[in-house]
Amino acid sequence: MTTLLRRLLLGATPADALLTGRLPFSTSSRRTPHRFRRSRRSPNPAPPSPEAVSAAIATLPSRLTPPLLSYSLSSFSDARLLLPFRKIGKAFHVYTLMRASADPAARPSTDTYHALFTALLSRGGGDTMVHYMYMDTVSALFRQMLEEGVPPDTRALNVLVKGYAQSLHLNDALRVFHQMRPVYGCEPDALTYSYLVHGLSEQGRTRNAREVFDEMLAKGLAPTEPACNAFVSALAMAGEAGEAERVMWDMARAGRVVDDVTRRAVVEELWRSGRRDDAERVVREMEERGIVGGAERRALLRSLHDEFGDDDLDVDDRWRNTR
């Protein structure tokens, strides 16, 4: 194409030559347009053959301990073993080969199932619908785990409880929770209770959440901060501002400080229920205990003024209502 244009232009008249100087492209370049160039990238490596993967699986008992295998399944790919675990499909392919292995040491263990549960439920972040979709697969894996005679531990059962709670299957989460001790011989820990409290609170089931919460405290276990935030917020939104305040202070004494959204919900509910003095007292105590600073206290009181239209509220006078 470029050679043909050059020949035509060499035989052109001076007027035509003047026109050629205005052409928007150069005829002297022999470079191939970018879209016609061949890619210089190296071809993608061929995937490992099933025989190579099977051979790698056969060496697992001597080369990888169960904890290291579980970490590999959920975290990274070991190129030396030809096991690309970064994609969940590859991990399930390896899991299938492990189940078919004749070597008992290469069979899936509790750590393997725990890694697969965690990998599935970590997809989608906090999206409830994504967890809802993957919980069927997790439930099927759990049934396979029991059929294979692999005893679950507290960690694996905690992942089940968390998955059911996050996918809004709270009754299934409670069922697993009540079966942990009598059926599986596992003792619920602080994470088990926290997942239940968090899920029940998000659904507004404050009565059930309070029962689980009280049972946890009776055992001397401390809830996680997300569970505290969800429980206190649920109590405040349910109109139980006094109970929400009590739980908030109990958790503060235990080293669990609720976040700013939860603090705002408690104060606003106290103010909305007509307990203005209690709301101001709570804000003042938060500042005295170092939970909030002066700027946050003023912002909180100013938001109450803007929402409820109290012209008598002096957000800059710290001790106006001190008794």
C-alpha atoms as a PDB file:
ATOM      1  CA  MET A   1       0.000   0.000   0.000  1.00  0.00           C
ATOM      2  CA  THR A   2       2.761   2.444   0.933  1.00  0.00           C
ATOM      3  CA  THR A   3       4.811   1.514  -2.155  1.00  0.00           C
ATOM      4  CA  LEU A   4       1.855   2.149  -4.472  1.00  0.00           C
ATOM      5  CA  LEU A   5       1.270   5.602  -2.980  1.00  0.00           C
ATOM      6  CA  ARG A   6       4.945   6.467  -3.367  1.00  0.00           C
ATOM      7  CA  ARG A   7       4.918   5.555  -7.061  1.00  0.00           C
ATOM      8  CA  LEU A   8       1.831   7.641  -7.716  1.00  0.00           C
ATOM      9  CA  LEU A   9       3.267  10.649  -5.921  1.00  0.00           C
ATOM     10  CA  LEU A  10       6.631  10.479  -7.691  1.00  0.00           C
ATOM     11  CA  GLY A  11       4.902  10.994 -11.019  1.00  0.00           C
ATOM     12  CA  ALA A  12       2.658  13.812  -9.803  1.00  0.00           C
ATOM     13  CA  THR A  13       2.641  17.424 -11.002  1.00  0.00           C
ATOM     14  CA  PRO A  14       3.965  20.342  -8.828  1.00  0.00           C
ATOM     15  CA  ALA A  15       0.408  21.159  -7.836  1.00  0.00           C
ATOM     16  CA  ASP A  16      -0.103  17.594  -6.819  1.00  0.00           C
ATOM     17  CA  ALA A  17       3.168  17.719  -4.921  1.00  0.00           C
ATOM     18  CA  LEU A  18       1.832  20.681  -2.966  1.00  0.00           C
ATOM     19  CA  LEU A  19      -1.171  18.596  -2.094  1.00  0.00           C
ATOM     20  CA  THR A  20       0.984  15.727  -0.906  1.00  0.00           C
ATOM     21  CA  GLY A  21       2.543  17.928   1.735  1.00  0.00           C
ATOM     22  CA  ARG A  22      -0.858  18.228   3.318  1.00  0.00           C
ATOM     23  CA  LEU A  23      -1.581  14.536   3.502  1.00  0.00           C
ATOM     24  CA  PRO A  24      -2.292  13.474   7.074  1.00  0.00           C
ATOM     25  CA  PHE A  25       0.034  10.501   6.851  1.00  0.00           C
ATOM     26  CA  SER A  26       3.638   9.868   5.915  1.00  0.00           C
ATOM     27  CA  THR A  27       4.476   7.798   2.856  1.00  0.00           C
ATOM     28  CA  SER A  28       8.117   7.378   3.786  1.00  0.00           C
ATOM     29  CA  SER A  29       7.529   5.161   6.763  1.00  0.00           C
ATOM     30  CA  ARG A  30       7.745   1.434   6.340  1.00  0.00           C
ATOM     31  CA  ARG A  31       6.337   0.746   9.784  1.00  0.00           C
ATOM     32  CA  THR A  32       3.377  -1.547   9.886  1.00  0.00           C
ATOM     33  CA  PRO A  33       0.263  -0.039  11.464  1.00  0.00           C
ATOM     34  CA  HIS A  34      -0.183  -1.069  15.080  1.00  0.00           C
ATOM     35  CA  ARG A  35      -3.323  -3.087  14.488  1.00  0.00           C
ATOM     36  CA  PHE A  36      -1.554  -5.215  11.862  1.00  0.00           C
ATOM     37  CA  ARG A  37       1.543  -5.943  13.905  1.00  0.00           C
ATOM     38  CA  ARG A  38       2.087  -9.365  15.313  1.00  0.00           C
ATOM     39  CA  SER A  39       2.079  -9.624  19.038  1.00  0.00           C
ATOM     40  CA  ARG A  40       5.503 -10.191  20.522  1.00  0.00           C
ATOM     41  CA  ARG A  41       4.133 -11.577  23.742  1.00  0.00           C
ATOM     42  CA  SER A  42       5.119 -15.093  24.566  1.00  0.00           C
ATOM     43  CA  PRO A  43       2.307 -17.622  24.233  1.00  0.00           C
ATOM     44  CA  ASN A  44       0.472 -18.691  27.339  1.00  0.00           C
ATOM     45  CA  PRO A  45       1.975 -21.776  28.947  1.00  0.00           C
ATOM     46  CA  ALA A  46       0.062 -24.959  28.455  1.00  0.00           C
ATOM     47  CA  PRO A  47      -1.955 -26.096  31.477  1.00  0.00           C
ATOM     48  CA  PRO A  48      -0.549 -29.049  33.383  1.00  0.00           C
ATOM     49  CA  SER A  49      -1.748 -32.412  32.226  1.00  0.00           C
ATOM     50  CA  PRO A  50      -3.972 -34.515  34.480  1.00  0.00           C
ATOM     51  CA  GLU A  51      -1.095 -36.986  34.830  1.00  0.00           C
ATOM     52  CA  ALA A  52       1.210 -34.233  36.106  1.00  0.00           C
ATOM     53  CA  VAL A  53      -1.387 -33.033  38.595  1.00  0.00           C
ATOM     54  CA  SER A  54      -2.025 -36.595  39.773  1.00  0.00           C
ATOM     55  CA  ALA A  55       1.698 -37.135  40.208  1.00  0.00           C
ATOM     56  CA  ALA A  56       1.932 -33.956  42.255  1.00  0.00           C
ATOM     57  CA  ILE A  57      -0.998 -35.043  44.401  1.00  0.00           C
ATOM     58  CA  ALA A  58       0.682 -38.389  45.010  1.00  0.00           C
ATOM     59  CA  THR A  59       3.653 -36.615  46.573  1.00  0.00           C
ATOM     60  CA  LEU A  60       1.558 -34.476  48.922  1.00  0.00           C
ATOM     61  CA  PRO A  61       1.905 -36.638  52.060  1.00  0.00           C
ATOM     62  CA  SER A  62       5.696 -36.323  52.013  1.00  0.00           C
ATOM     63  CA  ARG A  63       5.966 -32.765  50.711  1.00  0.00           C
ATOM     64  CA  LEU A  64       3.143 -30.886  52.397  1.00  0.00           C
ATOM     65  CA  THR A  65       1.708 -31.099  55.874  1.00  0.00           C
ATOM     66  CA  PRO A  66      -2.087 -30.605  56.217  1.00  0.00           C
ATOM     67  CA  PRO A  67      -1.801 -27.022  57.559  1.00  0.00           C
ATOM     68  CA  LEU A  68       0.529 -26.032  54.726  1.00  0.00           C
ATOM     69  CA  LEU A  69      -1.785 -27.658  52.183  1.00  0.00           C
ATOM     70  CA  SER A  70      -4.760 -25.762  53.572  1.00  0.00           C
ATOM     71  CA  TYR A  71      -2.824 -22.504  53.368  1.00  0.00           C
ATOM     72  CA  SER A  72      -1.931 -23.303  49.757  1.00  0.00           C
ATOM     73  CA  LEU A  73      -5.531 -24.073  48.887  1.00  0.00           C
ATOM     74  CA  SER A  74      -6.791 -20.739  50.164  1.00  0.00           C
ATOM     75  CA  SER A  75      -3.894 -18.377  49.554  1.00  0.00           C
ATOM     76  CA  PHE A  76      -1.451 -18.988  46.751  1.00  0.00           C
ATOM     77  CA  SER A  77      -0.406 -21.327  43.942  1.00  0.00           C
ATOM     78  CA  ASP A  78       2.587 -23.620  44.338  1.00  0.00           C
ATOM     79  CA  ALA A  79       4.155 -23.755  40.874  1.00  0.00           C
ATOM     80  CA  ARG A  80       6.511 -26.512  41.959  1.00  0.00           C
ATOM     81  CA  LEU A  81       3.545 -28.780  42.559  1.00  0.00           C
ATOM     82  CA  LEU A  82       1.680 -27.591  39.463  1.00  0.00           C
ATOM     83  CA  LEU A  83      -1.298 -26.647  41.611  1.00  0.00           C
ATOM     84  CA  PRO A  84      -2.662 -23.201  40.630  1.00  0.00           C
ATOM     85  CA  PHE A  85      -4.951 -22.590  43.601  1.00  0.00           C
ATOM     86  CA  ARG A  86      -5.720 -18.938  42.888  1.00  0.00           C
ATOM     87  CA  LYS A  87      -8.904 -19.961  41.065  1.00  0.00           C
ATOM     88  CA  ILE A  88     -11.473 -21.777  43.117  1.00  0.00           C
ATOM     89  CA  GLY A  89     -12.178 -24.159  40.213  1.00  0.00           C
ATOM     90  CA  LYS A  90      -8.586 -25.371  40.296  1.00  0.00           C
ATOM     91  CA  ALA A  91      -8.807 -25.899  44.031  1.00  0.00           C
ATOM     92  CA  PHE A  92     -11.914 -28.051  43.594  1.00  0.00           C
ATOM     93  CA  HIS A  93     -10.152 -30.036  40.873  1.00  0.00           C
ATOM     94  CA  VAL A  94      -7.355 -30.788  43.312  1.00  0.00           C
ATOM     95  CA  TYR A  95      -9.928 -31.613  45.985  1.00  0.00           C
ATOM     96  CA  THR A  96     -11.559 -34.140  43.627  1.00  0.00           C
ATOM     97  CA  LEU A  97      -8.202 -35.787  42.945  1.00  0.00           C
ATOM     98  CA  MET A  98      -7.483 -35.928  46.659  1.00  0.00           C
ATOM     99  CA  ARG A  99     -10.787 -37.714  47.287  1.00  0.00           C
ATOM    100  CA  ALA A 100      -9.964 -40.245  44.554  1.00  0.00           C
ATOM    101  CA  SER A 101      -6.462 -40.918  45.868  1.00  0.00           C
ATOM    102  CA  ALA A 102      -5.768 -44.412  47.138  1.00  0.00           C
ATOM    103  CA  ASP A 103      -3.286 -43.093  49.691  1.00  0.00           C
ATOM    104  CA  PRO A 104      -5.105 -42.348  52.963  1.00  0.00           C
ATOM    105  CA  ALA A 105      -2.557 -39.651  53.797  1.00  0.00           C
ATOM    106  CA  ALA A 106      -3.545 -37.715  50.664  1.00  0.00           C
ATOM    107  CA  ARG A 107      -7.261 -37.703  51.444  1.00  0.00           C
ATOM    108  CA  PRO A 108      -8.980 -34.420  52.400  1.00  0.00           C
ATOM    109  CA  SER A 109      -8.700 -33.534  56.070  1.00  0.00           C
ATOM    110  CA  THR A 110     -10.546 -31.127  58.315  1.00  0.00           C
ATOM    111  CA  ASP A 111      -8.089 -28.390  57.359  1.00  0.00           C
ATOM    112  CA  THR A 112      -8.812 -29.010  53.668  1.00  0.00           C
ATOM    113  CA  TYR A 113     -12.549 -28.611  54.117  1.00  0.00           C
ATOM    114  CA  HIS A 114     -12.061 -25.563  56.314  1.00  0.00           C
ATOM    115  CA  ALA A 115      -9.930 -23.957  53.587  1.00  0.00           C
ATOM    116  CA  LEU A 116     -12.577 -24.667  50.931  1.00  0.00           C
ATOM    117  CA  PHE A 117     -15.389 -23.320  53.138  1.00  0.00           C
ATOM    118  CA  THR A 118     -13.430 -20.144  53.793  1.00  0.00           C
ATOM    119  CA  ALA A 119     -12.490 -19.678  50.141  1.00  0.00           C
ATOM    120  CA  LEU A 120     -16.103 -19.990  49.007  1.00  0.00           C
ATOM    121  CA  LEU A 121     -17.566 -17.674  51.633  1.00  0.00           C
ATOM    122  CA  SER A 122     -14.861 -15.051  51.151  1.00  0.00           C
ATOM    123  CA  ARG A 123     -16.087 -14.388  47.611  1.00  0.00           C
ATOM    124  CA  GLY A 124     -18.309 -11.375  47.152  1.00  0.00           C
ATOM    125  CA  GLY A 125     -17.121  -9.533  50.256  1.00  0.00           C
ATOM    126  CA  GLY A 126     -20.173  -8.629  52.329  1.00  0.00           C
ATOM    127  CA  ASP A 127     -22.725  -9.237  49.582  1.00  0.00           C
ATOM    128  CA  THR A 128     -25.559 -11.261  51.098  1.00  0.00           C
ATOM    129  CA  MET A 129     -26.754 -12.600  47.745  1.00  0.00           C
ATOM    130  CA  VAL A 130     -23.293 -13.953  46.882  1.00  0.00           C
ATOM    131  CA  HIS A 131     -23.149 -15.773  50.217  1.00  0.00           C
ATOM    132  CA  TYR A 132     -26.679 -17.036  49.598  1.00  0.00           C
ATOM    133  CA  MET A 133     -25.564 -18.553  46.276  1.00  0.00           C
ATOM    134  CA  TYR A 134     -22.452 -20.237  47.662  1.00  0.00           C
ATOM    135  CA  MET A 135     -24.052 -21.649  50.805  1.00  0.00           C
ATOM    136  CA  ASP A 136     -25.599 -24.531  48.845  1.00  0.00           C
ATOM    137  CA  THR A 137     -22.111 -25.563  47.731  1.00  0.00           C
ATOM    138  CA  VAL A 138     -20.750 -25.213  51.254  1.00  0.00           C
ATOM    139  CA  SER A 139     -23.615 -27.317  52.635  1.00  0.00           C
ATOM    140  CA  ALA A 140     -22.945 -30.022  50.036  1.00  0.00           C
ATOM    141  CA  LEU A 141     -19.252 -30.010  50.938  1.00  0.00           C
ATOM    142  CA  PHE A 142     -20.126 -30.329  54.609  1.00  0.00           C
ATOM    143  CA  ARG A 143     -22.308 -33.371  53.863  1.00  0.00           C
ATOM    144  CA  GLN A 144     -19.442 -34.914  51.892  1.00  0.00           C
ATOM    145  CA  MET A 145     -17.166 -34.206  54.829  1.00  0.00           C
ATOM    146  CA  LEU A 146     -19.446 -36.141  57.165  1.00  0.00           C
ATOM    147  CA  GLU A 147     -19.921 -38.980  54.655  1.00  0.00           C
ATOM    148  CA  GLU A 148     -16.147 -39.346  54.335  1.00  0.00           C
ATOM    149  CA  GLY A 149     -15.893 -39.734  58.088  1.00  0.00           C
ATOM    150  CA  VAL A 150     -13.918 -36.518  58.576  1.00  0.00           C
ATOM    151  CA  PRO A 151     -14.877 -35.054  61.977  1.00  0.00           C
ATOM    152  CA  PRO A 152     -15.517 -31.294  61.885  1.00  0.00           C
ATOM    153  CA  ASP A 153     -13.832 -29.013  64.358  1.00  0.00           C
ATOM    154  CA  THR A 154     -14.933 -25.700  65.842  1.00  0.00           C
ATOM    155  CA  ARG A 155     -13.252 -23.705  63.062  1.00  0.00           C
ATOM    156  CA  ALA A 156     -15.134 -25.501  60.295  1.00  0.00           C
ATOM    157  CA  LEU A 157     -18.440 -25.240  62.148  1.00  0.00           C
ATOM    158  CA  ASN A 158     -17.802 -21.541  62.767  1.00  0.00           C
ATOM    159  CA  VAL A 159     -17.478 -20.984  59.027  1.00  0.00           C
ATOM    160  CA  LEU A 160     -20.828 -22.726  58.548  1.00  0.00           C
ATOM    161  CA  VAL A 161     -22.481 -20.587  61.222  1.00  0.00           C
ATOM    162  CA  LYS A 162     -20.991 -17.435  59.719  1.00  0.00           C
ATOM    163  CA  GLY A 163     -22.077 -18.389  56.197  1.00  0.00           C
ATOM    164  CA  TYR A 164     -25.634 -19.178  57.256  1.00  0.00           C
ATOM    165  CA  ALA A 165     -25.838 -15.941  59.250  1.00  0.00           C
ATOM    166  CA  GLN A 166     -24.487 -13.792  56.419  1.00  0.00           C
ATOM    167  CA  SER A 167     -26.815 -15.407  53.879  1.00  0.00           C
ATOM    168  CA  LEU A 168     -29.837 -14.792  56.140  1.00  0.00           C
ATOM    169  CA  HIS A 169     -30.332 -18.490  56.991  1.00  0.00           C
ATOM    170  CA  LEU A 170     -30.481 -17.745  60.715  1.00  0.00           C
ATOM    171  CA  ASN A 171     -32.493 -20.841  61.595  1.00  0.00           C
ATOM    172  CA  ASP A 172     -29.863 -23.045  59.950  1.00  0.00           C
ATOM    173  CA  ALA A 173     -27.139 -21.144  61.806  1.00  0.00           C
ATOM    174  CA  LEU A 174     -28.943 -21.768  65.105  1.00  0.00           C
ATOM    175  CA  ARG A 175     -29.385 -25.438  64.194  1.00  0.00           C
ATOM    176  CA  VAL A 176     -25.640 -25.897  63.640  1.00  0.00           C
ATOM    177  CA  PHE A 177     -24.951 -23.971  66.844  1.00  0.00           C
ATOM    178  CA  HIS A 178     -27.205 -26.218  68.935  1.00  0.00           C
ATOM    179  CA  GLN A 179     -25.665 -29.360  67.345  1.00  0.00           C
ATOM    180  CA  MET A 180     -22.049 -28.379  67.976  1.00  0.00           C
ATOM    181  CA  ARG A 181     -21.731 -29.856  71.453  1.00  0.00           C
ATOM    182  CA  PRO A 182     -24.105 -32.885  71.456  1.00  0.00           C
ATOM    183  CA  VAL A 183     -23.597 -34.053  67.854  1.00  0.00           C
ATOM    184  CA  TYR A 184     -20.084 -33.002  66.850  1.00  0.00           C
ATOM    185  CA  GLY A 185     -18.425 -32.731  70.257  1.00  0.00           C
ATOM    186  CA  CYS A 186     -17.189 -29.182  69.626  1.00  0.00           C
ATOM    187  CA  GLU A 187     -17.425 -26.321  72.082  1.00  0.00           C
ATOM    188  CA  PRO A 188     -18.699 -22.983  70.689  1.00  0.00           C
ATOM    189  CA  ASP A 189     -16.207 -20.171  71.083  1.00  0.00           C
ATOM    190  CA  ALA A 190     -16.450 -16.375  71.025  1.00  0.00           C
ATOM    191  CA  LEU A 191     -16.579 -16.282  67.219  1.00  0.00           C
ATOM    192  CA  THR A 192     -19.527 -18.691  67.144  1.00  0.00           C
ATOM    193  CA  TYR A 193     -21.569 -16.505  69.471  1.00  0.00           C
ATOM    194  CA  SER A 194     -20.471 -13.307  67.729  1.00  0.00           C
ATOM    195  CA  TYR A 195     -21.577 -14.546  64.306  1.00  0.00           C
ATOM    196  CA  LEU A 196     -24.989 -15.449  65.712  1.00  0.00           C
ATOM    197  CA  VAL A 197     -25.424 -12.158  67.570  1.00  0.00           C
ATOM    198  CA  HIS A 198     -24.408 -10.208  64.476  1.00  0.00           C
ATOM    199  CA  GLY A 199     -26.779 -12.095  62.170  1.00  0.00           C
ATOM    200  CA  LEU A 200     -29.745 -12.046  64.542  1.00  0.00           C
ATOM    201  CA  SER A 201     -29.271  -8.339  65.209  1.00  0.00           C
ATOM    202  CA  GLU A 202     -29.168  -7.503  61.510  1.00  0.00           C
ATOM    203  CA  GLN A 203     -32.512  -9.253  61.083  1.00  0.00           C
ATOM    204  CA  GLY A 204     -34.015  -7.363  64.017  1.00  0.00           C
ATOM    205  CA  ARG A 205     -34.411 -10.482  66.151  1.00  0.00           C
ATOM    206  CA  THR A 206     -33.286  -8.733  69.302  1.00  0.00           C
ATOM    207  CA  ARG A 207     -34.867 -11.240  71.691  1.00  0.00           C
ATOM    208  CA  ASN A 208     -32.890 -14.157  70.226  1.00  0.00           C
ATOM    209  CA  ALA A 209     -29.782 -12.006  69.972  1.00  0.00           C
ATOM    210  CA  ARG A 210     -30.081 -11.073  73.653  1.00  0.00           C
ATOM    211  CA  GLU A 211     -30.367 -14.735  74.666  1.00  0.00           C
ATOM    212  CA  VAL A 212     -27.230 -15.673  72.741  1.00  0.00           C
ATOM    213  CA  PHE A 213     -25.447 -12.549  73.981  1.00  0.00           C
ATOM    214  CA  ASP A 214     -26.250 -13.264  77.639  1.00  0.00           C
ATOM    215  CA  GLU A 215     -25.166 -16.900  77.269  1.00  0.00           C
ATOM    216  CA  MET A 216     -21.864 -15.759  75.801  1.00  0.00           C
ATOM    217  CA  LEU A 217     -21.215 -13.320  78.648  1.00  0.00           C
ATOM    218  CA  ALA A 218     -22.126 -15.980  81.204  1.00  0.00           C
ATOM    219  CA  LYS A 219     -19.328 -18.145  79.803  1.00  0.00           C
ATOM    220  CA  GLY A 220     -16.842 -15.311  80.127  1.00  0.00           C
ATOM    221  CA  LEU A 221     -16.518 -14.784  76.366  1.00  0.00           C
ATOM    222  CA  ALA A 222     -16.227 -11.332  74.824  1.00  0.00           C
ATOM    223  CA  PRO A 223     -18.021 -10.541  71.550  1.00  0.00           C
ATOM    224  CA  THR A 224     -16.274  -9.027  68.575  1.00  0.00           C
ATOM    225  CA  GLU A 225     -16.666  -5.327  67.848  1.00  0.00           C
ATOM    226  CA  PRO A 226     -18.885  -5.902  64.760  1.00  0.00           C
ATOM    227  CA  ALA A 227     -21.215  -8.016  66.900  1.00  0.00           C
ATOM    228  CA  CYS A 228     -21.334  -5.292  69.573  1.00  0.00           C
ATOM    229  CA  ASN A 229     -22.101  -2.628  66.983  1.00  0.00           C
ATOM    230  CA  ALA A 230     -24.869  -4.691  65.410  1.00  0.00           C
ATOM    231  CA  PHE A 231     -26.458  -5.647  68.743  1.00  0.00           C
ATOM    232  CA  VAL A 232     -26.445  -2.138  70.243  1.00  0.00           C
ATOM    233  CA  SER A 233     -27.750  -0.632  66.989  1.00  0.00           C
ATOM    234  CA  ALA A 234     -30.530  -3.220  66.798  1.00  0.00           C
ATOM    235  CA  LEU A 235     -31.609  -2.449  70.361  1.00  0.00           C
ATOM    236  CA  ALA A 236     -31.632   1.286  69.658  1.00  0.00           C
ATOM    237  CA  MET A 237     -33.601   0.896  66.423  1.00  0.00           C
ATOM    238  CA  ALA A 238     -36.094  -1.353  68.218  1.00  0.00           C
ATOM    239  CA  GLY A 239     -36.846   1.466  70.663  1.00  0.00           C
ATOM    240  CA  GLU A 240     -34.904  -0.058  73.556  1.00  0.00           C
ATOM    241  CA  ALA A 241     -32.622   2.928  74.069  1.00  0.00           C
ATOM    242  CA  GLY A 242     -32.063   2.239  77.766  1.00  0.00           C
ATOM    243  CA  GLU A 243     -31.004  -1.347  77.123  1.00  0.00           C
ATOM    244  CA  ALA A 244     -28.791  -0.204  74.251  1.00  0.00           C
ATOM    245  CA  GLU A 245     -27.076   2.294  76.557  1.00  0.00           C
ATOM    246  CA  ARG A 246     -26.528  -0.353  79.239  1.00  0.00           C
ATOM    247  CA  VAL A 247     -24.968  -2.811  76.771  1.00  0.00           C
ATOM    248  CA  MET A 248     -22.827  -0.047  75.294  1.00  0.00           C
ATOM    249  CA  TRP A 249     -21.330   0.851  78.683  1.00  0.00           C
ATOM    250  CA  ASP A 250     -20.867  -2.828  79.639  1.00  0.00           C
ATOM    251  CA  MET A 251     -18.932  -3.436  76.437  1.00  0.00           C
ATOM    252  CA  ALA A 252     -16.878  -0.268  76.946  1.00  0.00           C
ATOM    253  CA  ARG A 253     -15.795  -1.570  80.354  1.00  0.00           C
ATOM    254  CA  ALA A 254     -14.845  -4.867  78.678  1.00  0.00           C
ATOM    255  CA  GLY A 255     -12.707  -3.051  76.112  1.00  0.00           C
ATOM    256  CA  ARG A 256     -15.217  -3.160  73.245  1.00  0.00           C
ATOM    257  CA  VAL A 257     -16.021   0.394  72.138  1.00  0.00           C
ATOM    258  CA  VAL A 258     -18.853   0.754  69.625  1.00  0.00           C
ATOM    259  CA  ASP A 259     -18.267   2.818  66.498  1.00  0.00           C
ATOM    260  CA  ASP A 260     -19.523   6.328  65.781  1.00  0.00           C
ATOM    261  CA  VAL A 261     -22.577   5.138  63.832  1.00  0.00           C
ATOM    262  CA  THR A 262     -23.738   3.044  66.790  1.00  0.00           C
ATOM    263  CA  ARG A 263     -23.095   5.849  69.278  1.00  0.00           C
ATOM    264  CA  ARG A 264     -25.122   8.213  67.143  1.00  0.00           C
ATOM    265  CA  ALA A 265     -27.992   5.701  66.950  1.00  0.00           C
ATOM    266  CA  VAL A 266     -28.134   5.387  70.756  1.00  0.00           C
ATOM    267  CA  VAL A 267     -28.076   9.143  71.381  1.00  0.00           C
ATOM    268  CA  GLU A 268     -30.648   9.864  68.684  1.00  0.00           C
ATOM    269  CA  GLU A 269     -33.016   7.224  70.036  1.00  0.00           C
ATOM    270  CA  LEU A 270     -32.715   8.662  73.552  1.00  0.00           C
ATOM    271  CA  TRP A 271     -33.465  12.117  72.185  1.00  0.00           C
ATOM    272  CA  ARG A 272     -36.331  10.861  70.025  1.00  0.00           C
ATOM    273  CA  SER A 273     -37.970   9.139  72.993  1.00  0.00           C
ATOM    274  CA  GLY A 274     -38.041  12.422  74.923  1.00  0.00           C
ATOM    275  CA  ARG A 275     -35.067  11.669  77.172  1.00  0.00           C
ATOM    276  CA  ARG A 276     -33.058  14.731  76.224  1.00  0.00           C
ATOM    277  CA  ASP A 277     -31.184  14.962  79.522  1.00  0.00           C
ATOM    278  CA  ASP A 278     -30.110  11.323  79.237  1.00  0.00           C
ATOM    279  CA  ALA A 279     -28.908  11.903  75.676  1.00  0.00           C
ATOM    280  CA  GLU A 280     -26.761  14.860  76.723  1.00  0.00           C
ATOM    281  CA  ARG A 281     -25.489  12.906  79.726  1.00  0.00           C
ATOM    282  CA  VAL A 282     -24.441   9.999  77.490  1.00  0.00           C
ATOM    283  CA  VAL A 283     -22.588  12.355  75.150  1.00  0.00           C
ATOM    284  CA  ARG A 284     -20.851  14.008  78.093  1.00  0.00           C
ATOM    285  CA  GLU A 285     -19.835  10.656  79.608  1.00  0.00           C
ATOM    286  CA  MET A 286     -18.448   9.548  76.253  1.00  0.00           C
ATOM    287  CA  GLU A 287     -16.174  12.576  76.227  1.00  0.00           C
ATOM    288  CA  GLU A 288     -15.157  12.102  79.861  1.00  0.00           C
ATOM    289  CA  ARG A 289     -14.166   8.488  79.185  1.00  0.00           C
ATOM    290  CA  GLY A 290     -12.185   9.462  76.119  1.00  0.00           C
ATOM    291  CA  ILE A 291     -14.474   7.620  73.715  1.00  0.00           C
ATOM    292  CA  VAL A 292     -15.202  10.775  71.721  1.00  0.00           C
ATOM    293  CA  GLY A 293     -13.312  14.025  71.361  1.00  0.00           C
ATOM    294  CA  GLY A 294     -14.603  17.550  71.572  1.00  0.00           C
ATOM    295  CA  ALA A 295     -15.034  17.836  67.812  1.00  0.00           C
ATOM    296  CA  GLU A 296     -17.087  14.645  67.590  1.00  0.00           C
ATOM    297  CA  ARG A 297     -19.182  15.684  70.600  1.00  0.00           C
ATOM    298  CA  ARG A 298     -20.032  19.013  68.967  1.00  0.00           C
ATOM    299  CA  ALA A 299     -20.782  17.306  65.652  1.00  0.00           C
ATOM    300  CA  LEU A 300     -23.073  14.837  67.400  1.00  0.00           C
ATOM    301  CA  LEU A 301     -24.999  17.539  69.265  1.00  0.00           C
ATOM    302  CA  ARG A 302     -25.192  19.667  66.132  1.00  0.00           C
ATOM    303  CA  SER A 303     -26.708  16.754  64.210  1.00  0.00           C
ATOM    304  CA  LEU A 304     -29.353  16.426  66.936  1.00  0.00           C
ATOM    305  CA  HIS A 305     -30.078  20.128  66.631  1.00  0.00           C
ATOM    306  CA  ASP A 306     -30.405  19.882  62.849  1.00  0.00           C
ATOM    307  CA  GLU A 307     -32.656  16.823  62.972  1.00  0.00           C
ATOM    308  CA  PHE A 308     -34.926  17.734  65.862  1.00  0.00           C
ATOM    309  CA  GLY A 309     -34.752  21.528  65.584  1.00  0.00           C
ATOM    310  CA  ASP A 310     -33.864  22.358  69.187  1.00  0.00           C
ATOM    311  CA  ASP A 311     -32.907  26.039  69.215  1.00  0.00           C
ATOM    312  CA  ASP A 312     -32.006  25.925  72.921  1.00  0.00           C
ATOM    313  CA  LEU A 313     -29.219  23.411  72.378  1.00  0.00           C
ATOM    314  CA  ASP A 314     -25.792  25.014  72.838  1.00  0.00           C
ATOM    315  CA  VAL A 315     -23.338  22.700  71.111  1.00  0.00           C
ATOM    316  CA  ASP A 316     -20.316  24.743  72.200  1.00  0.00           C
ATOM    317  CA  ASP A 317     -21.111  24.930  75.933  1.00  0.00           C
ATOM    318  CA  ARG A 318     -19.657  21.726  77.337  1.00  0.00           C
ATOM    319  CA  TRP A 319     -20.867  21.945  80.915  1.00  0.00           C
ATOM    320  CA  ARG A 320     -24.148  23.813  80.461  1.00  0.00           C
ATOM    321  CA  ASN A 321     -26.228  20.870  81.621  1.00  0.00           C
ATOM    322  CA  THR A 322     -23.844  19.576  84.269  1.00  0.00           C
ATOM    323  CA  ARG A 323     -25.738  18.800  87.418  1.00  0.00           C
END
